[in-house]
Amino acid sequence: MTDGINGINGLNNNNLFPETTKNKDKNLDFSQLLKDAIEEVNSLQKNADKVAADYAAGKITDIHQVMIAAEKASLSLKLTTEVTNRIVEAYKEIMRMQI
């Protein structure tokens, strides 16, 4: 059963935000990494909208492409929202600390 889970391709962080992972060698600040990730989410959202419009116009006949693009966009947005929530919670926790 675990072989099936381990065999799933494309579900690691390296594929979600490729721009942030290819720059590991460089010294990037946190704000740049966050900006790149948000731009990638925006790009996925735009791609999902384009694919849906192409399907509605009859340019694409495969509904699977539309569903995959929409799901990628949805998952990346959920991940970004969760990361943002965690960052805010960490900031609040730091502000509550007494020095």
N, C-alpha and C. Protein backbone atom coordinates (compact mmCIF):
# COMPACT_ATOMS: atom_id res chain seq x y z
N MET A 1 0.82 -1.20 0.00
CA MET A 1 0.00 0.00 0.00
C MET A 1 0.86 1.26 0.00
N THR A 2 1.97 1.23 0.74
CA THR A 2 2.82 2.41 0.78
C THR A 2 3.55 2.63 -0.53
N ASP A 3 3.73 1.55 -1.33
CA ASP A 3 4.37 1.72 -2.63
C ASP A 3 3.54 2.64 -3.52
N GLY A 4 2.22 2.53 -3.44
CA GLY A 4 1.35 3.39 -4.23
C GLY A 4 1.45 4.84 -3.83
N ILE A 5 1.57 5.06 -2.52
CA ILE A 5 1.69 6.44 -2.04
C ILE A 5 3.05 7.01 -2.42
N ASN A 6 4.09 6.21 -2.27
CA ASN A 6 5.43 6.70 -2.62
C ASN A 6 5.59 6.86 -4.12
N GLY A 7 4.79 6.16 -4.90
CA GLY A 7 4.92 6.22 -6.35
C GLY A 7 4.20 7.38 -7.00
N ILE A 8 3.46 8.16 -6.23
CA ILE A 8 2.73 9.29 -6.81
C ILE A 8 3.74 10.36 -7.21
N ASN A 9 3.69 10.74 -8.46
CA ASN A 9 4.62 11.75 -8.98
C ASN A 9 4.00 13.12 -8.92
N GLY A 10 4.83 14.12 -8.71
CA GLY A 10 4.37 15.49 -8.84
C GLY A 10 3.74 16.07 -7.59
N LEU A 11 3.87 15.42 -6.43
CA LEU A 11 3.24 15.95 -5.24
C LEU A 11 4.24 16.43 -4.21
N ASN A 12 5.42 16.81 -4.62
CA ASN A 12 6.37 17.35 -3.67
C ASN A 12 6.47 18.85 -3.85
N ASN A 13 7.06 19.51 -2.89
CA ASN A 13 7.16 20.98 -2.93
C ASN A 13 7.99 21.47 -4.09
N ASN A 14 8.92 20.66 -4.59
CA ASN A 14 9.75 21.10 -5.70
C ASN A 14 8.93 21.35 -6.94
N ASN A 15 7.82 20.66 -7.11
CA ASN A 15 6.99 20.86 -8.29
C ASN A 15 5.95 21.96 -8.10
N LEU A 16 5.62 22.28 -6.86
CA LEU A 16 4.62 23.32 -6.64
C LEU A 16 5.17 24.71 -6.91
N PHE A 17 6.38 24.95 -6.44
CA PHE A 17 6.99 26.25 -6.61
C PHE A 17 8.39 26.09 -7.19
N PRO A 18 8.48 25.79 -8.48
CA PRO A 18 9.81 25.53 -9.05
C PRO A 18 10.74 26.72 -9.01
N GLU A 19 10.22 27.94 -9.06
CA GLU A 19 11.09 29.11 -9.05
C GLU A 19 11.82 29.24 -7.72
N THR A 20 11.16 28.83 -6.63
CA THR A 20 11.79 28.98 -5.32
C THR A 20 12.81 27.89 -5.07
N THR A 21 12.64 26.71 -5.67
CA THR A 21 13.56 25.62 -5.40
C THR A 21 14.80 25.66 -6.28
N LYS A 22 14.72 26.24 -7.46
CA LYS A 22 15.90 26.27 -8.32
C LYS A 22 16.91 27.31 -7.87
N ASN A 23 16.54 28.20 -6.95
CA ASN A 23 17.43 29.25 -6.48
C ASN A 23 17.99 28.94 -5.10
N LYS A 24 18.09 27.67 -4.72
CA LYS A 24 18.58 27.33 -3.39
C LYS A 24 20.03 27.76 -3.20
N ASP A 25 20.81 27.81 -4.26
CA ASP A 25 22.22 28.16 -4.14
C ASP A 25 22.39 29.64 -3.81
N LYS A 26 21.50 30.46 -4.29
CA LYS A 26 21.61 31.91 -4.13
C LYS A 26 21.09 32.34 -2.76
N ASN A 27 21.57 33.47 -2.30
CA ASN A 27 21.06 34.04 -1.06
C ASN A 27 19.86 34.92 -1.37
N LEU A 28 18.69 34.37 -1.20
CA LEU A 28 17.47 35.14 -1.40
C LEU A 28 16.85 35.42 -0.04
N ASP A 29 16.29 36.59 0.09
CA ASP A 29 15.64 36.89 1.34
C ASP A 29 14.23 36.31 1.35
N PHE A 30 13.65 36.26 2.52
CA PHE A 30 12.35 35.64 2.71
C PHE A 30 11.27 36.32 1.88
N SER A 31 11.32 37.64 1.81
CA SER A 31 10.30 38.37 1.06
C SER A 31 10.35 38.02 -0.43
N GLN A 32 11.54 37.81 -0.97
CA GLN A 32 11.65 37.43 -2.38
C GLN A 32 11.09 36.03 -2.62
N LEU A 33 11.38 35.11 -1.70
CA LEU A 33 10.82 33.76 -1.82
C LEU A 33 9.30 33.79 -1.77
N LEU A 34 8.77 34.59 -0.87
CA LEU A 34 7.31 34.69 -0.74
C LEU A 34 6.71 35.33 -1.99
N LYS A 35 7.37 36.35 -2.52
CA LYS A 35 6.89 37.00 -3.73
C LYS A 35 6.88 36.03 -4.90
N ASP A 36 7.95 35.25 -5.05
CA ASP A 36 8.02 34.27 -6.13
C ASP A 36 6.92 33.22 -6.02
N ALA A 37 6.67 32.76 -4.80
CA ALA A 37 5.63 31.76 -4.59
C ALA A 37 4.25 32.32 -4.94
N ILE A 38 3.99 33.55 -4.57
CA ILE A 38 2.69 34.17 -4.86
C ILE A 38 2.54 34.39 -6.36
N GLU A 39 3.62 34.77 -7.02
CA GLU A 39 3.56 34.92 -8.48
C GLU A 39 3.28 33.59 -9.16
N GLU A 40 3.84 32.50 -8.64
CA GLU A 40 3.58 31.17 -9.20
C GLU A 40 2.12 30.77 -9.00
N VAL A 41 1.56 31.07 -7.83
CA VAL A 41 0.14 30.79 -7.59
C VAL A 41 -0.72 31.59 -8.56
N ASN A 42 -0.38 32.84 -8.75
CA ASN A 42 -1.12 33.68 -9.69
C ASN A 42 -1.04 33.12 -11.11
N SER A 43 0.14 32.65 -11.49
CA SER A 43 0.31 32.05 -12.80
C SER A 43 -0.56 30.81 -12.97
N LEU A 44 -0.62 29.97 -11.93
CA LEU A 44 -1.46 28.77 -11.99
C LEU A 44 -2.94 29.14 -12.09
N GLN A 45 -3.34 30.19 -11.38
CA GLN A 45 -4.74 30.64 -11.44
C GLN A 45 -5.08 31.14 -12.85
N LYS A 46 -4.17 31.92 -13.44
CA LYS A 46 -4.40 32.42 -14.79
C LYS A 46 -4.46 31.29 -15.80
N ASN A 47 -3.59 30.30 -15.64
CA ASN A 47 -3.59 29.16 -16.53
C ASN A 47 -4.90 28.38 -16.43
N ALA A 48 -5.39 28.19 -15.22
CA ALA A 48 -6.66 27.49 -15.03
C ALA A 48 -7.81 28.25 -15.69
N ASP A 49 -7.80 29.56 -15.57
CA ASP A 49 -8.84 30.38 -16.22
C ASP A 49 -8.75 30.26 -17.74
N LYS A 50 -7.53 30.27 -18.27
CA LYS A 50 -7.34 30.17 -19.72
C LYS A 50 -7.81 28.82 -20.24
N VAL A 51 -7.44 27.75 -19.54
CA VAL A 51 -7.83 26.41 -19.96
C VAL A 51 -9.36 26.26 -19.90
N ALA A 52 -9.98 26.80 -18.87
CA ALA A 52 -11.44 26.74 -18.77
C ALA A 52 -12.10 27.52 -19.90
N ALA A 53 -11.54 28.67 -20.23
CA ALA A 53 -12.09 29.46 -21.33
C ALA A 53 -11.91 28.74 -22.66
N ASP A 54 -10.76 28.10 -22.84
CA ASP A 54 -10.52 27.33 -24.06
C ASP A 54 -11.47 26.15 -24.17
N TYR A 55 -11.78 25.52 -23.05
CA TYR A 55 -12.73 24.40 -23.06
C TYR A 55 -14.13 24.90 -23.42
N ALA A 56 -14.51 26.04 -22.86
CA ALA A 56 -15.83 26.61 -23.15
C ALA A 56 -15.93 27.03 -24.61
N ALA A 57 -14.81 27.45 -25.20
CA ALA A 57 -14.81 27.87 -26.61
C ALA A 57 -14.69 26.68 -27.56
N GLY A 58 -14.44 25.49 -27.02
CA GLY A 58 -14.33 24.31 -27.86
C GLY A 58 -12.94 24.04 -28.37
N LYS A 59 -11.96 24.81 -27.92
CA LYS A 59 -10.57 24.60 -28.35
C LYS A 59 -9.97 23.35 -27.71
N ILE A 60 -10.44 23.02 -26.51
CA ILE A 60 -9.98 21.83 -25.79
C ILE A 60 -11.18 20.91 -25.61
N THR A 61 -11.02 19.64 -25.95
CA THR A 61 -12.13 18.70 -25.78
C THR A 61 -11.92 17.77 -24.59
N ASP A 62 -10.75 17.80 -24.00
CA ASP A 62 -10.44 16.91 -22.88
C ASP A 62 -10.73 17.62 -21.56
N ILE A 63 -11.78 17.20 -20.88
CA ILE A 63 -12.16 17.82 -19.61
C ILE A 63 -11.11 17.57 -18.53
N HIS A 64 -10.31 16.51 -18.70
CA HIS A 64 -9.29 16.20 -17.70
C HIS A 64 -8.25 17.32 -17.59
N GLN A 65 -7.89 17.92 -18.71
CA GLN A 65 -6.93 19.03 -18.67
C GLN A 65 -7.48 20.20 -17.86
N VAL A 66 -8.77 20.45 -18.04
CA VAL A 66 -9.40 21.56 -17.32
C VAL A 66 -9.42 21.27 -15.82
N MET A 67 -9.81 20.05 -15.47
CA MET A 67 -9.90 19.69 -14.05
C MET A 67 -8.53 19.67 -13.38
N ILE A 68 -7.52 19.19 -14.08
CA ILE A 68 -6.17 19.16 -13.51
C ILE A 68 -5.65 20.58 -13.29
N ALA A 69 -5.85 21.45 -14.26
CA ALA A 69 -5.39 22.84 -14.12
C ALA A 69 -6.12 23.53 -12.96
N ALA A 70 -7.43 23.29 -12.85
CA ALA A 70 -8.20 23.90 -11.77
C ALA A 70 -7.76 23.36 -10.41
N GLU A 71 -7.49 22.08 -10.34
CA GLU A 71 -7.07 21.49 -9.07
C GLU A 71 -5.68 21.96 -8.66
N LYS A 72 -4.77 22.09 -9.62
CA LYS A 72 -3.44 22.64 -9.31
C LYS A 72 -3.56 24.04 -8.74
N ALA A 73 -4.39 24.85 -9.38
CA ALA A 73 -4.57 26.23 -8.91
C ALA A 73 -5.19 26.25 -7.52
N SER A 74 -6.17 25.39 -7.30
CA SER A 74 -6.84 25.33 -6.00
C SER A 74 -5.88 24.88 -4.90
N LEU A 75 -5.12 23.84 -5.16
CA LEU A 75 -4.19 23.35 -4.15
C LEU A 75 -3.09 24.36 -3.84
N SER A 76 -2.59 25.02 -4.87
CA SER A 76 -1.54 26.01 -4.61
C SER A 76 -2.08 27.19 -3.82
N LEU A 77 -3.32 27.58 -4.07
CA LEU A 77 -3.93 28.68 -3.31
C LEU A 77 -4.15 28.26 -1.86
N LYS A 78 -4.61 27.02 -1.65
CA LYS A 78 -4.79 26.53 -0.28
C LYS A 78 -3.47 26.47 0.47
N LEU A 79 -2.42 26.00 -0.21
CA LEU A 79 -1.11 25.94 0.41
C LEU A 79 -0.61 27.34 0.78
N THR A 80 -0.78 28.27 -0.13
CA THR A 80 -0.35 29.65 0.14
C THR A 80 -1.12 30.24 1.31
N THR A 81 -2.41 29.97 1.37
CA THR A 81 -3.23 30.46 2.48
C THR A 81 -2.77 29.87 3.80
N GLU A 82 -2.48 28.58 3.82
CA GLU A 82 -2.00 27.93 5.04
C GLU A 82 -0.66 28.49 5.48
N VAL A 83 0.24 28.68 4.54
CA VAL A 83 1.56 29.23 4.88
C VAL A 83 1.39 30.65 5.43
N THR A 84 0.54 31.43 4.81
CA THR A 84 0.29 32.79 5.30
C THR A 84 -0.27 32.76 6.72
N ASN A 85 -1.22 31.87 6.96
CA ASN A 85 -1.80 31.76 8.31
C ASN A 85 -0.74 31.37 9.33
N ARG A 86 0.14 30.45 8.95
CA ARG A 86 1.20 30.02 9.87
C ARG A 86 2.18 31.15 10.15
N ILE A 87 2.48 31.94 9.15
CA ILE A 87 3.39 33.07 9.33
C ILE A 87 2.77 34.09 10.28
N VAL A 88 1.49 34.37 10.10
CA VAL A 88 0.80 35.32 10.97
C VAL A 88 0.76 34.80 12.40
N GLU A 89 0.47 33.52 12.57
CA GLU A 89 0.44 32.92 13.90
C GLU A 89 1.82 32.98 14.56
N ALA A 90 2.87 32.71 13.80
CA ALA A 90 4.23 32.78 14.34
C ALA A 90 4.56 34.21 14.76
N TYR A 91 4.15 35.18 13.95
CA TYR A 91 4.39 36.59 14.28
C TYR A 91 3.66 36.95 15.57
N LYS A 92 2.41 36.52 15.69
CA LYS A 92 1.64 36.81 16.91
C LYS A 92 2.29 36.18 18.13
N GLU A 93 2.79 34.96 17.97
CA GLU A 93 3.46 34.27 19.06
C GLU A 93 4.73 35.01 19.47
N ILE A 94 5.48 35.49 18.52
CA ILE A 94 6.70 36.25 18.82
C ILE A 94 6.33 37.54 19.54
N MET A 95 5.26 38.20 19.13
CA MET A 95 4.86 39.46 19.77
C MET A 95 4.39 39.23 21.21
N ARG A 96 3.89 38.02 21.50
CA ARG A 96 3.44 37.72 22.87
C ARG A 96 4.60 37.39 23.81
N MET A 97 5.76 37.09 23.25
CA MET A 97 6.90 36.73 24.08
C MET A 97 7.37 37.94 24.90
N GLN A 98 7.75 37.65 26.13
CA GLN A 98 8.29 38.70 26.97
C GLN A 98 9.81 38.60 26.96
N ILE A 99 10.42 39.75 26.87
CA ILE A 99 11.89 39.77 26.81
C ILE A 99 12.46 39.98 28.19
